[in-house]
Amino acid sequence: MTRAGGTLLGVLVFGACAFQLGTASAQDSTFFGDSAGPTVEEYLKESPQAKLIPFDQFKIDGRSVNCGKRPTVLNSDFDSWGGAFPGFVILNTKKINGLSTAVKLYIFSHECGHQFEGPDETKADLFAIRRGVKWGWLDAQGMEDICAFISTLKGDAVHPPGPQRCDTMRKYYNELIESGSGETASAPATQPSSKVKAQALAPQ
């Protein structure tokens, strides 16, 4: 079995960790189709240093946030800023320390976006921007903070280059502000991934 702290690939390049596990619940198949990653219990068994935070008890810089009723796992050994397996979100407490609140919320929301939008990185990015506008934590300065953060990241087979991601998110943010809604604009459809890996914010 591949260790949970192995090479990660995914969401922003937040990290992707392959598990060779057996059957999983329907919840775990949310964005991997017939293939499923580990359950949160299996992940915690592989990463005993990680901490599980119930969905209704998680806060970022004093702000309560959630991904529906999915819990958040805090893992300082995770290879990226954040990640997602179907059914739970992962945040690396060491890597996000020192980032602005808007960037932290973006990372969490991006990973949460995979639960609703599937493995596509652009859709997860736009989910985060849409949620930020709708929930009131994303303003023009926050958008600039997110762009400054993401623009330094390289792309890979899964993630577009950081500057491109910034341009896409900034354009979407402006569209949402101009339309006065964080709910109506839709993300572009792209080809889903079938690999059973943790979705991660960006490549390392």
N, C-alpha and C. Protein backbone atom coordinates (compact mmCIF):
# COMPACT_ATOMS: atom_id res chain seq x y z
N MET A 1 0.84 -1.19 0.00
CA MET A 1 0.00 0.00 0.00
C MET A 1 0.87 1.24 0.00
N THR A 2 0.55 2.18 -0.86
CA THR A 2 1.33 3.40 -0.92
C THR A 2 1.07 4.25 0.31
N ARG A 3 2.10 4.79 0.91
CA ARG A 3 1.94 5.61 2.10
C ARG A 3 1.18 6.87 1.78
N ALA A 4 0.40 7.37 2.79
CA ALA A 4 -0.40 8.58 2.60
C ALA A 4 0.48 9.78 2.36
N GLY A 5 1.72 9.74 2.78
CA GLY A 5 2.58 10.90 2.60
C GLY A 5 3.35 10.84 1.30
N GLY A 6 2.92 10.00 0.36
CA GLY A 6 3.64 9.84 -0.88
C GLY A 6 3.44 11.01 -1.83
N THR A 7 3.89 10.84 -3.05
CA THR A 7 3.80 11.92 -4.03
C THR A 7 2.35 12.29 -4.29
N LEU A 8 2.06 13.58 -4.31
CA LEU A 8 0.70 14.05 -4.48
C LEU A 8 0.54 14.77 -5.80
N LEU A 9 -0.65 14.74 -6.30
CA LEU A 9 -0.90 15.32 -7.60
C LEU A 9 -2.32 15.80 -7.61
N GLY A 10 -2.64 16.98 -8.07
CA GLY A 10 -4.02 17.28 -8.12
C GLY A 10 -4.41 18.72 -8.10
N VAL A 11 -5.31 19.06 -7.28
CA VAL A 11 -6.04 20.29 -7.29
C VAL A 11 -5.34 21.57 -7.60
N LEU A 12 -4.49 22.08 -6.88
CA LEU A 12 -3.72 23.26 -7.27
C LEU A 12 -2.37 22.74 -7.59
N VAL A 13 -2.11 21.74 -7.15
CA VAL A 13 -0.93 20.95 -7.01
C VAL A 13 -0.86 20.91 -5.52
N PHE A 14 -1.93 20.49 -4.93
CA PHE A 14 -1.98 20.39 -3.48
C PHE A 14 -1.51 19.05 -3.04
N GLY A 15 -1.62 18.04 -3.88
CA GLY A 15 -1.10 16.78 -3.47
C GLY A 15 -1.95 15.63 -3.92
N ALA A 16 -1.30 14.55 -4.35
CA ALA A 16 -2.07 13.41 -4.72
C ALA A 16 -1.41 12.18 -4.22
N CYS A 17 -2.17 11.39 -3.51
CA CYS A 17 -1.59 10.27 -2.82
C CYS A 17 -2.33 9.02 -3.20
N ALA A 18 -1.66 8.08 -3.78
CA ALA A 18 -2.34 6.89 -4.26
C ALA A 18 -2.50 5.86 -3.15
N PHE A 19 -3.69 5.27 -3.10
CA PHE A 19 -3.98 4.22 -2.14
C PHE A 19 -4.46 3.00 -2.92
N GLN A 20 -3.99 1.84 -2.55
CA GLN A 20 -4.48 0.61 -3.16
C GLN A 20 -5.37 -0.06 -2.13
N LEU A 21 -6.60 0.43 -2.07
CA LEU A 21 -7.52 -0.04 -1.06
C LEU A 21 -8.65 -0.82 -1.70
N GLY A 22 -9.39 -1.51 -0.86
CA GLY A 22 -10.47 -2.34 -1.36
C GLY A 22 -11.72 -1.54 -1.62
N THR A 23 -12.86 -2.10 -1.28
CA THR A 23 -14.13 -1.47 -1.58
C THR A 23 -14.31 -0.22 -0.75
N ALA A 24 -15.16 0.68 -1.25
CA ALA A 24 -15.45 1.94 -0.55
C ALA A 24 -16.92 2.25 -0.67
N SER A 25 -17.39 3.15 0.17
CA SER A 25 -18.80 3.49 0.18
C SER A 25 -19.16 4.33 -1.04
N ALA A 26 -20.46 4.52 -1.26
CA ALA A 26 -20.91 5.32 -2.39
C ALA A 26 -20.39 6.74 -2.27
N GLN A 27 -20.30 7.25 -1.06
CA GLN A 27 -19.80 8.61 -0.85
C GLN A 27 -18.38 8.74 -1.38
N ASP A 28 -17.59 7.71 -1.22
CA ASP A 28 -16.20 7.76 -1.65
C ASP A 28 -16.06 7.72 -3.16
N SER A 29 -17.13 7.40 -3.85
CA SER A 29 -17.05 7.32 -5.31
C SER A 29 -17.53 8.60 -5.97
N THR A 30 -17.73 9.65 -5.18
CA THR A 30 -18.30 10.90 -5.67
C THR A 30 -17.65 11.41 -6.94
N PHE A 31 -16.33 11.53 -6.99
CA PHE A 31 -15.73 12.08 -8.21
C PHE A 31 -14.70 11.18 -8.84
N PHE A 32 -14.71 9.89 -8.49
CA PHE A 32 -13.81 8.96 -9.14
C PHE A 32 -14.55 7.83 -9.84
N GLY A 33 -15.87 7.97 -9.96
CA GLY A 33 -16.63 6.95 -10.65
C GLY A 33 -16.56 5.61 -9.91
N ASP A 34 -16.23 4.55 -10.66
CA ASP A 34 -16.16 3.23 -10.06
C ASP A 34 -14.92 3.05 -9.19
N SER A 35 -13.89 3.87 -9.41
CA SER A 35 -12.69 3.80 -8.60
C SER A 35 -12.87 4.69 -7.39
N ALA A 36 -12.33 4.29 -6.26
CA ALA A 36 -12.51 5.07 -5.04
C ALA A 36 -11.21 5.17 -4.27
N GLY A 37 -11.00 6.31 -3.65
CA GLY A 37 -9.87 6.50 -2.77
C GLY A 37 -10.19 5.93 -1.41
N PRO A 38 -9.36 6.23 -0.41
CA PRO A 38 -9.59 5.72 0.93
C PRO A 38 -10.76 6.42 1.60
N THR A 39 -11.39 5.74 2.53
CA THR A 39 -12.34 6.41 3.40
C THR A 39 -11.54 7.26 4.36
N VAL A 40 -12.20 8.17 5.07
CA VAL A 40 -11.48 9.00 6.02
C VAL A 40 -10.86 8.15 7.12
N GLU A 41 -11.53 7.06 7.51
CA GLU A 41 -10.98 6.17 8.53
C GLU A 41 -9.70 5.49 8.04
N GLU A 42 -9.72 5.06 6.79
CA GLU A 42 -8.53 4.42 6.22
C GLU A 42 -7.38 5.41 6.09
N TYR A 43 -7.72 6.64 5.70
CA TYR A 43 -6.68 7.66 5.56
C TYR A 43 -6.04 7.97 6.91
N LEU A 44 -6.84 8.11 7.95
CA LEU A 44 -6.32 8.42 9.27
C LEU A 44 -5.47 7.27 9.81
N LYS A 45 -5.82 6.06 9.45
CA LYS A 45 -5.02 4.91 9.88
C LYS A 45 -3.64 4.95 9.23
N GLU A 46 -3.59 5.39 7.97
CA GLU A 46 -2.32 5.50 7.26
C GLU A 46 -1.52 6.73 7.68
N SER A 47 -2.20 7.73 8.24
CA SER A 47 -1.56 8.98 8.64
C SER A 47 -1.92 9.28 10.10
N PRO A 48 -1.33 8.56 11.03
CA PRO A 48 -1.72 8.70 12.44
C PRO A 48 -1.47 10.08 13.02
N GLN A 49 -0.61 10.88 12.38
CA GLN A 49 -0.34 12.22 12.88
C GLN A 49 -1.44 13.21 12.49
N ALA A 50 -2.31 12.82 11.58
CA ALA A 50 -3.37 13.71 11.11
C ALA A 50 -4.48 13.85 12.15
N LYS A 51 -5.21 14.94 12.05
CA LYS A 51 -6.29 15.23 13.00
C LYS A 51 -7.59 15.47 12.25
N LEU A 52 -8.63 14.81 12.69
CA LEU A 52 -9.95 14.94 12.07
C LEU A 52 -10.75 16.04 12.75
N ILE A 53 -11.29 16.97 11.94
CA ILE A 53 -12.13 18.04 12.46
C ILE A 53 -13.54 17.86 11.88
N PRO A 54 -14.55 17.68 12.73
CA PRO A 54 -15.93 17.53 12.23
C PRO A 54 -16.36 18.74 11.41
N PHE A 55 -17.29 18.54 10.50
CA PHE A 55 -17.69 19.58 9.55
C PHE A 55 -18.20 20.84 10.24
N ASP A 56 -18.81 20.68 11.42
CA ASP A 56 -19.41 21.84 12.08
C ASP A 56 -18.49 22.47 13.12
N GLN A 57 -17.22 22.07 13.12
CA GLN A 57 -16.29 22.62 14.12
C GLN A 57 -15.05 23.25 13.49
N PHE A 58 -15.00 23.32 12.17
CA PHE A 58 -13.79 23.80 11.52
C PHE A 58 -13.85 25.31 11.27
N LYS A 59 -12.74 25.98 11.58
CA LYS A 59 -12.63 27.41 11.36
C LYS A 59 -11.29 27.73 10.70
N ILE A 60 -11.29 28.76 9.88
CA ILE A 60 -10.06 29.29 9.29
C ILE A 60 -9.94 30.74 9.72
N ASP A 61 -8.93 31.04 10.48
CA ASP A 61 -8.72 32.40 11.01
C ASP A 61 -9.98 32.94 11.67
N GLY A 62 -10.63 32.09 12.45
CA GLY A 62 -11.81 32.49 13.19
C GLY A 62 -13.11 32.42 12.43
N ARG A 63 -13.06 32.15 11.14
CA ARG A 63 -14.28 32.07 10.32
C ARG A 63 -14.71 30.62 10.17
N SER A 64 -15.94 30.32 10.54
CA SER A 64 -16.47 28.97 10.38
C SER A 64 -16.67 28.67 8.90
N VAL A 65 -16.15 27.54 8.46
CA VAL A 65 -16.30 27.11 7.08
C VAL A 65 -16.67 25.64 7.06
N ASN A 66 -17.25 25.20 5.97
CA ASN A 66 -17.58 23.79 5.85
C ASN A 66 -17.64 23.39 4.40
N CYS A 67 -17.61 22.10 4.18
CA CYS A 67 -17.81 21.53 2.85
C CYS A 67 -19.00 20.59 2.96
N GLY A 68 -20.16 21.17 3.16
CA GLY A 68 -21.33 20.37 3.46
C GLY A 68 -21.11 19.69 4.81
N LYS A 69 -21.35 18.40 4.86
CA LYS A 69 -21.14 17.65 6.10
C LYS A 69 -19.86 16.82 6.05
N ARG A 70 -18.99 17.15 5.11
CA ARG A 70 -17.72 16.42 5.00
C ARG A 70 -16.72 16.98 6.02
N PRO A 71 -15.98 16.11 6.70
CA PRO A 71 -14.99 16.59 7.66
C PRO A 71 -13.73 17.09 6.97
N THR A 72 -12.89 17.76 7.74
CA THR A 72 -11.59 18.21 7.27
C THR A 72 -10.50 17.48 8.04
N VAL A 73 -9.49 17.01 7.35
CA VAL A 73 -8.34 16.36 7.99
C VAL A 73 -7.16 17.31 7.92
N LEU A 74 -6.57 17.63 9.09
CA LEU A 74 -5.38 18.47 9.16
C LEU A 74 -4.17 17.56 9.19
N ASN A 75 -3.31 17.68 8.20
CA ASN A 75 -2.15 16.81 8.08
C ASN A 75 -0.93 17.64 7.67
N SER A 76 -0.06 17.90 8.63
CA SER A 76 1.12 18.72 8.37
C SER A 76 2.17 18.00 7.53
N ASP A 77 1.97 16.71 7.27
CA ASP A 77 2.89 15.94 6.43
C ASP A 77 2.40 15.80 5.00
N PHE A 78 1.23 16.34 4.71
CA PHE A 78 0.69 16.25 3.36
C PHE A 78 1.61 17.01 2.41
N ASP A 79 1.79 16.50 1.19
CA ASP A 79 2.78 17.05 0.28
C ASP A 79 2.36 18.32 -0.45
N SER A 80 1.19 18.83 -0.18
CA SER A 80 0.76 20.05 -0.82
C SER A 80 -0.02 20.88 0.20
N TRP A 81 -0.51 22.03 -0.24
CA TRP A 81 -1.25 22.92 0.67
C TRP A 81 -2.56 22.29 1.11
N GLY A 82 -3.17 21.57 0.21
CA GLY A 82 -4.45 20.93 0.51
C GLY A 82 -4.73 19.83 -0.49
N GLY A 83 -5.70 19.02 -0.20
CA GLY A 83 -6.07 17.92 -1.08
C GLY A 83 -7.48 17.45 -0.78
N ALA A 84 -7.94 16.51 -1.57
CA ALA A 84 -9.30 16.00 -1.39
C ALA A 84 -9.41 14.58 -1.89
N PHE A 85 -9.98 13.74 -1.07
CA PHE A 85 -10.47 12.44 -1.49
C PHE A 85 -11.99 12.54 -1.39
N PRO A 86 -12.71 11.75 -2.15
CA PRO A 86 -14.17 11.79 -2.04
C PRO A 86 -14.60 11.61 -0.59
N GLY A 87 -15.33 12.59 -0.07
CA GLY A 87 -15.86 12.47 1.28
C GLY A 87 -15.14 13.28 2.33
N PHE A 88 -13.93 13.79 2.03
CA PHE A 88 -13.24 14.64 3.01
C PHE A 88 -12.19 15.52 2.33
N VAL A 89 -11.86 16.60 3.03
CA VAL A 89 -10.89 17.59 2.57
C VAL A 89 -9.65 17.50 3.45
N ILE A 90 -8.48 17.74 2.87
CA ILE A 90 -7.21 17.70 3.61
C ILE A 90 -6.56 19.08 3.52
N LEU A 91 -6.04 19.57 4.65
CA LEU A 91 -5.27 20.80 4.66
C LEU A 91 -3.94 20.55 5.36
N ASN A 92 -2.87 21.09 4.79
CA ASN A 92 -1.56 21.02 5.41
C ASN A 92 -1.37 22.27 6.26
N THR A 93 -1.42 22.12 7.58
CA THR A 93 -1.37 23.26 8.48
C THR A 93 -0.05 24.01 8.40
N LYS A 94 1.04 23.31 8.11
CA LYS A 94 2.34 23.99 7.98
C LYS A 94 2.39 24.85 6.73
N LYS A 95 1.94 24.30 5.62
CA LYS A 95 2.04 25.02 4.35
C LYS A 95 1.13 26.24 4.29
N ILE A 96 -0.06 26.16 4.87
CA ILE A 96 -0.98 27.29 4.78
C ILE A 96 -0.68 28.36 5.82
N ASN A 97 0.14 28.03 6.82
CA ASN A 97 0.49 29.00 7.85
C ASN A 97 1.21 30.19 7.21
N GLY A 98 0.75 31.40 7.52
CA GLY A 98 1.37 32.60 6.97
C GLY A 98 0.70 33.11 5.71
N LEU A 99 -0.16 32.32 5.09
CA LEU A 99 -0.91 32.80 3.93
C LEU A 99 -2.03 33.72 4.39
N SER A 100 -2.49 34.59 3.52
CA SER A 100 -3.61 35.47 3.88
C SER A 100 -4.87 34.64 4.07
N THR A 101 -5.82 35.21 4.80
CA THR A 101 -7.07 34.49 5.05
C THR A 101 -7.78 34.14 3.74
N ALA A 102 -7.77 35.06 2.79
CA ALA A 102 -8.45 34.80 1.51
C ALA A 102 -7.82 33.62 0.78
N VAL A 103 -6.50 33.50 0.83
CA VAL A 103 -5.82 32.38 0.16
C VAL A 103 -6.13 31.08 0.88
N LYS A 104 -6.13 31.10 2.20
CA LYS A 104 -6.48 29.88 2.96
C LYS A 104 -7.90 29.43 2.61
N LEU A 105 -8.82 30.38 2.56
CA LEU A 105 -10.22 30.04 2.24
C LEU A 105 -10.34 29.56 0.80
N TYR A 106 -9.55 30.13 -0.08
CA TYR A 106 -9.53 29.66 -1.47
C TYR A 106 -9.06 28.22 -1.55
N ILE A 107 -7.97 27.90 -0.85
CA ILE A 107 -7.43 26.53 -0.87
C ILE A 107 -8.48 25.54 -0.35
N PHE A 108 -9.07 25.86 0.79
CA PHE A 108 -10.11 24.98 1.35
C PHE A 108 -11.27 24.84 0.37
N SER A 109 -11.72 25.95 -0.18
CA SER A 109 -12.88 25.92 -1.07
C SER A 109 -12.57 25.22 -2.38
N HIS A 110 -11.34 25.36 -2.85
CA HIS A 110 -10.92 24.64 -4.05
C HIS A 110 -11.03 23.13 -3.82
N GLU A 111 -10.51 22.67 -2.69
CA GLU A 111 -10.58 21.24 -2.38
C GLU A 111 -12.01 20.79 -2.19
N CYS A 112 -12.80 21.63 -1.54
CA CYS A 112 -14.23 21.32 -1.39
C CYS A 112 -14.89 21.24 -2.76
N GLY A 113 -14.46 22.09 -3.68
CA GLY A 113 -15.05 22.09 -5.01
C GLY A 113 -14.93 20.75 -5.72
N HIS A 114 -13.87 20.01 -5.42
CA HIS A 114 -13.73 18.69 -6.03
C HIS A 114 -14.85 17.75 -5.60
N GLN A 115 -15.38 17.96 -4.41
CA GLN A 115 -16.46 17.10 -3.93
C GLN A 115 -17.73 17.30 -4.76
N PHE A 116 -17.91 18.52 -5.28
CA PHE A 116 -19.12 18.84 -6.04
C PHE A 116 -18.91 18.87 -7.55
N GLU A 117 -17.71 19.24 -7.97
CA GLU A 117 -17.44 19.43 -9.39
C GLU A 117 -16.63 18.32 -10.03
N GLY A 118 -16.09 17.41 -9.21
CA GLY A 118 -15.28 16.34 -9.75
C GLY A 118 -13.80 16.70 -9.78
N PRO A 119 -12.98 15.94 -10.50
CA PRO A 119 -11.53 16.09 -10.46
C PRO A 119 -10.98 17.27 -11.24
N ASP A 120 -11.80 17.92 -12.05
CA ASP A 120 -11.31 19.00 -12.90
C ASP A 120 -10.82 20.19 -12.06
N GLU A 121 -9.59 20.62 -12.32
CA GLU A 121 -8.97 21.68 -11.53
C GLU A 121 -9.57 23.06 -11.79
N THR A 122 -9.90 23.34 -13.03
CA THR A 122 -10.49 24.63 -13.35
C THR A 122 -11.86 24.77 -12.71
N LYS A 123 -12.65 23.71 -12.76
CA LYS A 123 -13.97 23.75 -12.12
C LYS A 123 -13.83 23.97 -10.62
N ALA A 124 -12.83 23.32 -10.01
CA ALA A 124 -12.63 23.50 -8.57
C ALA A 124 -12.19 24.93 -8.26
N ASP A 125 -11.33 25.50 -9.10
CA ASP A 125 -10.93 26.89 -8.93
C ASP A 125 -12.14 27.81 -8.97
N LEU A 126 -12.99 27.62 -9.96
CA LEU A 126 -14.13 28.52 -10.14
C LEU A 126 -15.19 28.30 -9.06
N PHE A 127 -15.29 27.06 -8.57
CA PHE A 127 -16.17 26.81 -7.43
C PHE A 127 -15.73 27.66 -6.25
N ALA A 128 -14.41 27.71 -6.00
CA ALA A 128 -13.88 28.47 -4.88
C ALA A 128 -14.17 29.96 -5.04
N ILE A 129 -13.99 30.49 -6.24
CA ILE A 129 -14.27 31.90 -6.48
C ILE A 129 -15.75 32.20 -6.31
N ARG A 130 -16.59 31.34 -6.85
CA ARG A 130 -18.04 31.51 -6.72
C ARG A 130 -18.46 31.49 -5.26
N ARG A 131 -17.90 30.56 -4.50
CA ARG A 131 -18.24 30.46 -3.08
C ARG A 131 -17.74 31.71 -2.34
N GLY A 132 -16.55 32.18 -2.66
CA GLY A 132 -16.02 33.36 -2.00
C GLY A 132 -16.89 34.58 -2.19
N VAL A 133 -17.39 34.76 -3.42
CA VAL A 133 -18.27 35.89 -3.69
C VAL A 133 -19.61 35.70 -2.98
N LYS A 134 -20.17 34.51 -3.08
CA LYS A 134 -21.47 34.24 -2.49
C LYS A 134 -21.44 34.34 -0.97
N TRP A 135 -20.37 33.85 -0.35
CA TRP A 135 -20.28 33.82 1.10
C TRP A 135 -19.64 35.08 1.69
N GLY A 136 -19.18 35.99 0.82
CA GLY A 136 -18.73 37.29 1.28
C GLY A 136 -17.31 37.39 1.79
N TRP A 137 -16.48 36.38 1.56
CA TRP A 137 -15.10 36.49 2.04
C TRP A 137 -14.11 36.89 0.94
N LEU A 138 -14.57 36.97 -0.29
CA LEU A 138 -13.66 37.31 -1.39
C LEU A 138 -13.97 38.70 -1.93
N ASP A 139 -12.98 39.59 -1.83
CA ASP A 139 -13.08 40.92 -2.43
C ASP A 139 -11.92 41.10 -3.41
N ALA A 140 -11.78 42.31 -3.95
CA ALA A 140 -10.76 42.55 -4.96
C ALA A 140 -9.35 42.29 -4.42
N GLN A 141 -9.08 42.69 -3.17
CA GLN A 141 -7.77 42.44 -2.60
C GLN A 141 -7.52 40.95 -2.41
N GLY A 142 -8.54 40.24 -1.97
CA GLY A 142 -8.42 38.79 -1.82
C GLY A 142 -8.13 38.11 -3.14
N MET A 143 -8.76 38.61 -4.21
CA MET A 143 -8.52 38.05 -5.54
C MET A 143 -7.07 38.27 -5.95
N GLU A 144 -6.53 39.43 -5.63
CA GLU A 144 -5.12 39.71 -5.93
C GLU A 144 -4.20 38.81 -5.12
N ASP A 145 -4.55 38.58 -3.86
CA ASP A 145 -3.75 37.68 -3.01
C ASP A 145 -3.72 36.27 -3.60
N ILE A 146 -4.88 35.80 -4.05
CA ILE A 146 -4.98 34.47 -4.64
C ILE A 146 -4.14 34.40 -5.91
N CYS A 147 -4.21 35.43 -6.74
CA CYS A 147 -3.43 35.45 -7.98
C CYS A 147 -1.93 35.48 -7.70
N ALA A 148 -1.53 36.27 -6.70
CA ALA A 148 -0.11 36.32 -6.35
C ALA A 148 0.39 34.96 -5.90
N PHE A 149 -0.46 34.24 -5.19
CA PHE A 149 -0.11 32.90 -4.71
C PHE A 149 -0.06 31.89 -5.85
N ILE A 150 -1.11 31.83 -6.64
CA ILE A 150 -1.23 30.79 -7.66
C ILE A 150 -0.30 31.03 -8.84
N SER A 151 0.04 32.29 -9.12
CA SER A 151 0.85 32.60 -10.30
C SER A 151 2.27 32.07 -10.19
N THR A 152 2.72 31.74 -9.00
CA THR A 152 4.07 31.22 -8.83
C THR A 152 4.15 29.72 -9.09
N LEU A 153 3.00 29.07 -9.26
CA LEU A 153 2.97 27.62 -9.39
C LEU A 153 3.04 27.18 -10.86
N LYS A 154 3.77 26.12 -11.07
CA LYS A 154 3.90 25.56 -12.40
C LYS A 154 2.71 24.65 -12.71
N GLY A 155 2.44 24.48 -13.96
CA GLY A 155 1.39 23.56 -14.36
C GLY A 155 1.93 22.15 -14.57
N ASP A 156 1.04 21.21 -14.79
CA ASP A 156 1.41 19.85 -15.13
C ASP A 156 0.29 19.25 -15.97
N ALA A 157 0.26 17.94 -16.10
CA ALA A 157 -0.76 17.30 -16.93
C ALA A 157 -2.16 17.55 -16.40
N VAL A 158 -2.27 17.84 -15.11
CA VAL A 158 -3.57 18.02 -14.46
C VAL A 158 -3.89 19.49 -14.24
N HIS A 159 -2.89 20.26 -13.83
CA HIS A 159 -3.10 21.67 -13.49
C HIS A 159 -2.60 22.61 -14.58
N PRO A 160 -3.42 23.58 -14.97
CA PRO A 160 -2.92 24.61 -15.88
C PRO A 160 -1.84 25.43 -15.17
N PRO A 161 -0.98 26.11 -15.93
CA PRO A 161 0.03 26.97 -15.29
C PRO A 161 -0.63 28.02 -14.40
N GLY A 162 0.06 28.38 -13.31
CA GLY A 162 -0.51 29.31 -12.36
C GLY A 162 -1.01 30.62 -12.95
N PRO A 163 -0.23 31.30 -13.81
CA PRO A 163 -0.71 32.56 -14.39
C PRO A 163 -2.01 32.37 -15.17
N GLN A 164 -2.14 31.24 -15.86
CA GLN A 164 -3.37 30.97 -16.60
C GLN A 164 -4.54 30.79 -15.65
N ARG A 165 -4.28 30.10 -14.53
CA ARG A 165 -5.34 29.90 -13.54
C ARG A 165 -5.77 31.23 -12.94
N CYS A 166 -4.80 32.10 -12.70
CA CYS A 166 -5.11 33.43 -12.19
C CYS A 166 -6.01 34.18 -13.16
N ASP A 167 -5.65 34.19 -14.43
CA ASP A 167 -6.44 34.91 -15.43
C ASP A 167 -7.87 34.38 -15.49
N THR A 168 -8.01 33.05 -15.44
CA THR A 168 -9.34 32.44 -15.52
C THR A 168 -10.17 32.81 -14.30
N MET A 169 -9.55 32.74 -13.12
CA MET A 169 -10.29 33.06 -11.89
C MET A 169 -10.62 34.54 -11.80
N ARG A 170 -9.68 35.40 -12.19
CA ARG A 170 -9.94 36.84 -12.12
C ARG A 170 -11.08 37.24 -13.07
N LYS A 171 -11.08 36.67 -14.27
CA LYS A 171 -12.15 36.95 -15.22
C LYS A 171 -13.49 36.49 -14.66
N TYR A 172 -13.51 35.32 -14.06
CA TYR A 172 -14.75 34.79 -13.49
C TYR A 172 -15.22 35.65 -12.33
N TYR A 173 -14.27 36.06 -11.48
CA TYR A 173 -14.60 36.94 -10.35
C TYR A 173 -15.26 38.22 -10.86
N ASN A 174 -14.66 38.84 -11.87
CA ASN A 174 -15.21 40.08 -12.42
C ASN A 174 -16.60 39.87 -13.00
N GLU A 175 -16.82 38.73 -13.65
CA GLU A 175 -18.14 38.43 -14.20
C GLU A 175 -19.17 38.31 -13.08
N LEU A 176 -18.79 37.64 -11.99
CA LEU A 176 -19.71 37.48 -10.87
C LEU A 176 -20.04 38.81 -10.21
N ILE A 177 -19.04 39.66 -10.04
CA ILE A 177 -19.26 40.96 -9.43
C ILE A 177 -20.16 41.82 -10.32
N GLU A 178 -19.89 41.79 -11.62
CA GLU A 178 -20.69 42.59 -12.55
C GLU A 178 -22.13 42.10 -12.63
N SER A 179 -22.31 40.77 -12.51
CA SER A 179 -23.67 40.21 -12.59
C SER A 179 -24.40 40.31 -11.26
N GLY A 180 -23.63 40.57 -10.18
CA GLY A 180 -24.24 40.66 -8.85
C GLY A 180 -24.63 39.34 -8.26
N SER A 181 -24.04 38.25 -8.76
CA SER A 181 -24.40 36.93 -8.27
C SER A 181 -23.19 36.02 -8.21
N GLY A 182 -23.11 35.25 -7.12
CA GLY A 182 -22.06 34.26 -7.00
C GLY A 182 -22.57 32.88 -7.34
N GLU A 183 -23.79 32.78 -7.91
CA GLU A 183 -24.39 31.48 -8.14
C GLU A 183 -24.68 31.18 -9.60
N THR A 184 -24.85 32.22 -10.43
CA THR A 184 -25.37 31.96 -11.77
C THR A 184 -24.30 31.57 -12.78
N ALA A 185 -23.11 32.14 -12.67
CA ALA A 185 -22.07 31.83 -13.67
C ALA A 185 -21.63 30.39 -13.53
N SER A 186 -21.42 29.73 -14.64
CA SER A 186 -21.07 28.31 -14.61
C SER A 186 -19.63 28.09 -15.04
N ALA A 187 -19.05 27.01 -14.53
CA ALA A 187 -17.67 26.68 -14.87
C ALA A 187 -17.64 25.92 -16.19
N PRO A 188 -16.57 26.06 -16.97
CA PRO A 188 -16.48 25.33 -18.23
C PRO A 188 -16.29 23.84 -18.01
N ALA A 189 -16.84 23.05 -18.89
CA ALA A 189 -16.69 21.60 -18.77
C ALA A 189 -15.33 21.18 -19.32
N THR A 190 -14.70 20.22 -18.63
CA THR A 190 -13.42 19.70 -19.11
C THR A 190 -13.38 18.20 -18.89
N GLN A 191 -12.37 17.56 -19.40
CA GLN A 191 -12.25 16.12 -19.33
C GLN A 191 -11.92 15.66 -17.92
N PRO A 192 -12.72 14.76 -17.28
CA PRO A 192 -12.45 14.28 -15.94
C PRO A 192 -11.27 13.31 -15.92
N SER A 193 -10.70 13.16 -14.74
CA SER A 193 -9.60 12.22 -14.55
C SER A 193 -10.13 10.95 -13.91
N SER A 194 -9.52 9.80 -14.23
CA SER A 194 -10.00 8.54 -13.67
C SER A 194 -9.04 7.95 -12.65
N LYS A 195 -7.90 8.60 -12.40
CA LYS A 195 -6.94 8.05 -11.46
C LYS A 195 -7.40 8.22 -10.02
N VAL A 196 -7.12 7.21 -9.22
CA VAL A 196 -7.52 7.26 -7.83
C VAL A 196 -6.40 7.89 -7.01
N LYS A 197 -6.36 9.21 -7.01
CA LYS A 197 -5.38 9.94 -6.25
C LYS A 197 -6.08 11.09 -5.55
N ALA A 198 -5.47 11.56 -4.49
CA ALA A 198 -6.04 12.72 -3.83
C ALA A 198 -5.94 13.89 -4.78
N GLN A 199 -7.03 14.61 -4.94
CA GLN A 199 -6.97 15.84 -5.71
C GLN A 199 -6.13 16.82 -4.92
N ALA A 200 -5.24 17.52 -5.58
CA ALA A 200 -4.37 18.45 -4.87
C ALA A 200 -4.40 19.82 -5.51
N LEU A 201 -4.06 20.84 -4.74
CA LEU A 201 -4.15 22.20 -5.24
C LEU A 201 -3.23 22.45 -6.42
N ALA A 202 -2.03 21.95 -6.37
CA ALA A 202 -1.10 22.22 -7.45
C ALA A 202 0.06 21.27 -7.38
N PRO A 203 0.87 21.16 -8.48
CA PRO A 203 2.01 20.26 -8.48
C PRO A 203 3.15 20.84 -7.68
N GLN A 204 3.95 20.00 -7.09
CA GLN A 204 5.09 20.48 -6.31
C GLN A 204 6.28 20.64 -7.24
